[in-house]
N, C-alpha and C. Protein backbone atom coordinates (compact mmCIF):
# COMPACT_ATOMS: atom_id res chain seq x y z
N MET A 1 -60.82 42.30 -16.14
CA MET A 1 -61.39 42.27 -17.99
C MET A 1 -60.45 43.07 -18.40
N ILE A 2 -59.97 43.99 -18.05
CA ILE A 2 -59.79 44.86 -19.03
C ILE A 2 -58.23 44.26 -19.73
N THR A 3 -57.96 43.11 -18.54
CA THR A 3 -56.72 42.65 -19.79
C THR A 3 -57.15 42.00 -20.67
N PHE A 4 -58.55 41.12 -20.09
CA PHE A 4 -58.90 40.04 -21.18
C PHE A 4 -58.87 41.57 -22.63
N ILE A 5 -59.74 41.79 -22.67
CA ILE A 5 -60.29 43.02 -24.21
C ILE A 5 -58.52 43.31 -24.28
N SER A 6 -57.64 43.82 -23.85
CA SER A 6 -56.42 44.00 -24.95
C SER A 6 -55.71 42.52 -24.86
N PHE A 7 -55.53 41.29 -24.65
CA PHE A 7 -55.46 40.36 -25.25
C PHE A 7 -56.13 40.24 -26.71
N LEU A 8 -57.13 40.38 -26.50
CA LEU A 8 -58.15 39.95 -27.77
C LEU A 8 -58.02 41.47 -28.74
N ILE A 9 -57.55 42.42 -28.21
CA ILE A 9 -57.67 43.85 -29.22
C ILE A 9 -55.68 42.79 -29.51
N VAL A 10 -55.07 42.90 -28.67
CA VAL A 10 -54.20 42.50 -29.21
C VAL A 10 -53.50 41.35 -30.50
N LEU A 11 -54.74 40.52 -30.21
CA LEU A 11 -55.09 39.08 -31.13
C LEU A 11 -54.99 39.79 -32.40
N PHE A 12 -55.86 40.48 -32.29
CA PHE A 12 -56.68 41.51 -33.00
C PHE A 12 -55.78 41.65 -34.25
N GLY A 13 -54.34 42.81 -33.66
CA GLY A 13 -53.73 43.72 -34.56
C GLY A 13 -52.77 42.64 -35.05
N SER A 14 -52.14 41.21 -34.05
CA SER A 14 -51.44 40.67 -34.46
C SER A 14 -52.32 39.68 -36.51
N ILE A 15 -53.49 39.27 -36.20
CA ILE A 15 -53.96 38.82 -37.06
C ILE A 15 -53.39 39.76 -38.52
N ASN A 16 -54.08 40.98 -38.45
CA ASN A 16 -53.90 42.28 -39.07
C ASN A 16 -52.21 42.32 -39.42
N TRP A 17 -51.83 41.83 -38.89
CA TRP A 17 -50.01 41.90 -39.29
C TRP A 17 -49.23 41.13 -39.87
N LEU A 18 -50.51 40.04 -39.77
CA LEU A 18 -50.29 38.57 -40.70
C LEU A 18 -50.83 38.69 -42.33
N SER A 19 -52.00 39.20 -41.69
CA SER A 19 -52.50 39.46 -43.08
C SER A 19 -51.22 40.95 -43.67
N ILE A 20 -50.94 41.31 -43.24
CA ILE A 20 -49.99 42.63 -44.48
C ILE A 20 -48.89 41.46 -44.26
N GLY A 21 -48.41 40.55 -44.12
CA GLY A 21 -46.54 40.48 -44.01
C GLY A 21 -47.59 39.09 -45.06
N MET A 22 -48.26 39.03 -45.23
CA MET A 22 -48.79 37.73 -45.99
C MET A 22 -49.12 38.01 -47.47
N LEU A 23 -50.60 38.65 -47.34
CA LEU A 23 -51.15 39.23 -48.23
C LEU A 23 -50.70 40.41 -48.51
N GLN A 24 -50.26 41.80 -47.81
CA GLN A 24 -50.36 42.69 -48.63
C GLN A 24 -51.43 43.30 -48.48
N TYR A 25 -52.18 42.88 -47.41
CA TYR A 25 -53.33 43.68 -46.92
C TYR A 25 -53.16 44.10 -46.07
N ASP A 26 -54.51 44.86 -46.05
CA ASP A 26 -54.30 46.01 -44.67
C ASP A 26 -55.60 46.10 -43.87
N ILE A 27 -56.19 44.89 -43.22
CA ILE A 27 -57.54 44.58 -42.89
C ILE A 27 -58.21 45.89 -41.84
N ILE A 28 -57.33 47.15 -41.52
CA ILE A 28 -57.75 48.05 -40.93
C ILE A 28 -58.62 48.89 -42.06
N ALA A 29 -56.96 48.84 -42.25
CA ALA A 29 -56.82 50.03 -44.09
C ALA A 29 -58.07 50.26 -44.49
N GLY A 30 -58.06 48.64 -44.79
CA GLY A 30 -59.94 47.79 -45.54
C GLY A 30 -60.99 48.05 -45.46
N PHE A 31 -60.56 48.18 -44.04
CA PHE A 31 -62.80 48.64 -43.49
C PHE A 31 -63.19 50.18 -43.43
N PHE A 32 -61.75 51.40 -42.99
CA PHE A 32 -61.63 52.07 -43.26
C PHE A 32 -61.50 52.99 -44.41
N GLY A 33 -60.04 52.70 -45.30
CA GLY A 33 -60.55 53.14 -47.03
C GLY A 33 -58.92 53.58 -46.20
N THR A 34 -57.82 54.26 -45.78
CA THR A 34 -56.32 53.82 -46.04
C THR A 34 -55.92 53.73 -44.57
N GLN A 35 -54.95 53.99 -44.29
CA GLN A 35 -53.88 53.84 -43.24
C GLN A 35 -53.86 55.04 -42.14
N SER A 36 -53.97 56.71 -43.72
CA SER A 36 -54.14 57.88 -42.82
C SER A 36 -55.60 57.50 -42.01
N SER A 37 -56.70 57.55 -42.23
CA SER A 37 -57.65 57.66 -41.94
C SER A 37 -58.39 57.77 -40.47
N MET A 38 -59.33 58.59 -39.77
CA MET A 38 -59.23 58.87 -38.54
C MET A 38 -59.12 57.86 -37.13
N PHE A 39 -60.47 56.97 -38.16
CA PHE A 39 -60.67 55.59 -37.85
C PHE A 39 -59.41 54.72 -37.72
N SER A 40 -59.26 54.43 -38.75
CA SER A 40 -58.23 54.12 -38.88
C SER A 40 -56.56 53.83 -37.92
N ARG A 41 -56.59 55.51 -37.78
CA ARG A 41 -55.27 55.60 -36.80
C ARG A 41 -55.47 55.75 -35.38
N ILE A 42 -56.90 55.17 -34.56
CA ILE A 42 -57.50 55.39 -33.82
C ILE A 42 -57.31 53.69 -33.30
N ILE A 43 -57.91 52.88 -34.06
CA ILE A 43 -57.49 51.19 -33.93
C ILE A 43 -56.40 51.39 -33.54
N TYR A 44 -54.88 51.85 -34.64
CA TYR A 44 -54.11 51.40 -34.57
C TYR A 44 -53.75 51.67 -32.92
N ILE A 45 -54.01 53.23 -32.61
CA ILE A 45 -53.66 53.25 -31.30
C ILE A 45 -54.18 52.34 -29.93
N LEU A 46 -55.64 52.01 -30.10
CA LEU A 46 -55.71 50.97 -29.21
C LEU A 46 -55.11 50.00 -29.54
N PHE A 47 -54.07 49.30 -30.42
CA PHE A 47 -53.85 48.66 -30.86
C PHE A 47 -52.56 48.64 -29.80
N GLY A 48 -51.64 49.49 -29.82
CA GLY A 48 -50.80 50.38 -29.21
C GLY A 48 -51.40 50.32 -27.51
N PHE A 49 -51.64 50.48 -27.03
CA PHE A 49 -52.24 50.65 -26.02
C PHE A 49 -52.90 49.63 -25.12
N ALA A 50 -53.18 49.10 -25.68
CA ALA A 50 -53.57 46.90 -25.50
C ALA A 50 -51.95 46.20 -25.48
N ALA A 51 -51.60 46.63 -26.32
CA ALA A 51 -50.14 45.58 -25.68
C ALA A 51 -49.21 46.37 -25.10
N ILE A 52 -49.24 47.37 -24.70
CA ILE A 52 -48.74 47.99 -23.59
C ILE A 52 -48.88 48.13 -22.08
N TRP A 53 -50.58 47.62 -22.68
CA TRP A 53 -51.19 46.75 -20.59
C TRP A 53 -50.72 45.39 -21.20
N LEU A 54 -50.39 44.72 -21.73
CA LEU A 54 -50.18 43.38 -21.54
C LEU A 54 -48.74 43.78 -21.25
N ILE A 55 -47.32 44.25 -21.74
CA ILE A 55 -45.76 44.16 -21.62
C ILE A 55 -46.28 45.27 -20.16
N VAL A 56 -47.37 45.91 -19.32
CA VAL A 56 -46.87 46.57 -17.89
C VAL A 56 -46.91 45.52 -16.92
N SER A 57 -48.20 44.04 -17.69
CA SER A 57 -48.90 43.65 -16.97
C SER A 57 -48.23 42.57 -16.23
N ALA A 58 -47.70 41.85 -18.09
CA ALA A 58 -46.34 40.80 -17.36
C ALA A 58 -45.17 41.13 -16.84
N ILE A 59 -44.82 42.38 -16.55
CA ILE A 59 -43.87 43.03 -16.01
C ILE A 59 -44.07 42.94 -14.26
N ARG A 60 -45.60 43.37 -13.84
CA ARG A 60 -45.72 43.87 -13.33
C ARG A 60 -45.87 42.13 -12.61
N GLN A 61 -47.07 41.15 -13.00
CA GLN A 61 -47.12 40.02 -12.20
C GLN A 61 -46.16 39.43 -12.68
N LYS A 62 -44.24 39.43 -12.47
CA LYS A 62 -43.22 38.35 -13.06
C LYS A 62 -43.61 38.07 -14.24
N GLY A 63 -43.84 38.50 -15.51
CA GLY A 63 -43.83 37.17 -16.69
C GLY A 63 -45.04 36.64 -16.06
N LYS A 64 -46.30 36.59 -15.68
CA LYS A 64 -46.99 35.72 -15.75
C LYS A 64 -48.82 37.28 -16.06
N ILE A 65 -49.61 36.50 -16.79
CA ILE A 65 -50.12 36.90 -17.71
C ILE A 65 -51.66 36.35 -17.26
N ASN A 66 -53.09 37.20 -15.92
CA ASN A 66 -53.81 36.67 -15.88
C ASN A 66 -54.76 37.22 -17.06
N ILE A 67 -55.27 36.55 -17.35
CA ILE A 67 -56.21 36.85 -18.58
C ILE A 67 -57.58 36.85 -18.02
N VAL A 68 -58.04 35.69 -17.52
CA VAL A 68 -59.22 36.11 -16.62
C VAL A 68 -58.94 35.60 -15.23
N LYS A 69 -59.20 36.55 -14.03
CA LYS A 69 -58.73 36.41 -12.53
C LYS A 69 -60.38 35.47 -11.77
N ASP A 70 -61.50 35.76 -12.63
CA ASP A 70 -62.47 35.06 -12.00
C ASP A 70 -63.05 33.58 -11.48
N ARG A 71 -61.73 32.90 -11.81
CA ARG A 71 -61.06 31.21 -11.61
C ARG A 71 -61.62 30.90 -10.85
N LEU A 72 -61.96 29.60 -10.23
CA LEU A 72 -61.11 29.35 -9.32
C LEU A 72 -60.40 28.19 -8.87
N PRO A 73 -60.04 28.77 -7.82
CA PRO A 73 -58.42 27.85 -8.13
C PRO A 73 -58.58 26.28 -8.33
N LEU A 74 -57.47 25.79 -7.73
CA LEU A 74 -57.60 24.15 -8.83
C LEU A 74 -58.46 23.81 -6.57
N LYS A 75 -57.69 23.95 -6.07
CA LYS A 75 -58.36 23.08 -4.39
C LYS A 75 -59.55 23.43 -4.58
N LYS A 76 -60.54 24.74 -5.28
CA LYS A 76 -61.38 25.25 -4.62
C LYS A 76 -62.83 24.01 -5.98
N LEU A 77 -62.30 23.48 -6.97
CA LEU A 77 -62.94 23.09 -8.18
C LEU A 77 -62.67 21.38 -7.87
N GLU A 78 -61.73 20.97 -7.01
CA GLU A 78 -61.71 19.72 -6.66
C GLU A 78 -63.12 19.23 -5.92
N GLU A 79 -63.32 20.53 -4.38
CA GLU A 79 -63.38 21.13 -3.26
C GLU A 79 -65.10 20.93 -3.68
N ASN A 80 -65.86 21.35 -4.88
CA ASN A 80 -66.85 21.42 -5.01
C ASN A 80 -67.29 19.98 -5.84
N GLU A 81 -66.42 19.11 -6.81
CA GLU A 81 -66.66 18.56 -7.42
C GLU A 81 -67.23 17.28 -6.71
N GLU A 82 -66.15 17.22 -5.30
CA GLU A 82 -66.30 15.61 -4.76
C GLU A 82 -67.68 16.80 -3.63
N LYS A 83 -68.24 17.68 -3.29
CA LYS A 83 -69.55 18.09 -3.37
C LYS A 83 -70.49 17.70 -3.91
N LEU A 84 -70.60 18.17 -4.72
CA LEU A 84 -71.67 17.32 -5.61
C LEU A 84 -71.71 16.04 -6.31
N SER A 85 -70.81 15.70 -6.18
CA SER A 85 -70.65 13.79 -6.08
C SER A 85 -71.33 13.27 -5.35
N ASN A 86 -70.50 13.75 -3.91
CA ASN A 86 -72.04 12.97 -2.83
C ASN A 86 -73.02 13.29 -2.44
N ASN A 87 -73.16 14.67 -3.20
CA ASN A 87 -75.08 14.52 -3.65
C ASN A 87 -76.09 13.44 -4.58
N PHE A 88 -74.51 14.14 -4.97
CA PHE A 88 -75.70 12.28 -6.48
C PHE A 88 -75.17 11.49 -6.36
N GLY A 89 -74.64 10.79 -4.99
CA GLY A 89 -73.82 9.45 -4.78
C GLY A 89 -73.06 8.53 -5.98
N GLN A 90 -71.98 9.64 -6.46
CA GLN A 90 -71.63 9.01 -7.23
C GLN A 90 -69.84 8.94 -6.57
N LYS A 91 -68.83 7.87 -7.35
CA LYS A 91 -67.46 8.23 -6.84
C LYS A 91 -67.21 7.11 -6.12
């Protein structure tokens, strides 16, 4: 779950950097007044920690980042689909 939250935070940070690069407008500073405001700095720190978390996750998992771990394996999904289709007389 923390990887998914980190992914969302980094995604939003990337959109913020895109707006800085293309429009010269900092979304976070726009919300909180300036880049040096306490809330802006906290958000920037969260962006950094989320990026570090994703980097460490990628290194630990040899380049693969599992955003959501609660998914069923493909084989399990196929078995469930086959059971459902047999129950309803389809296939």
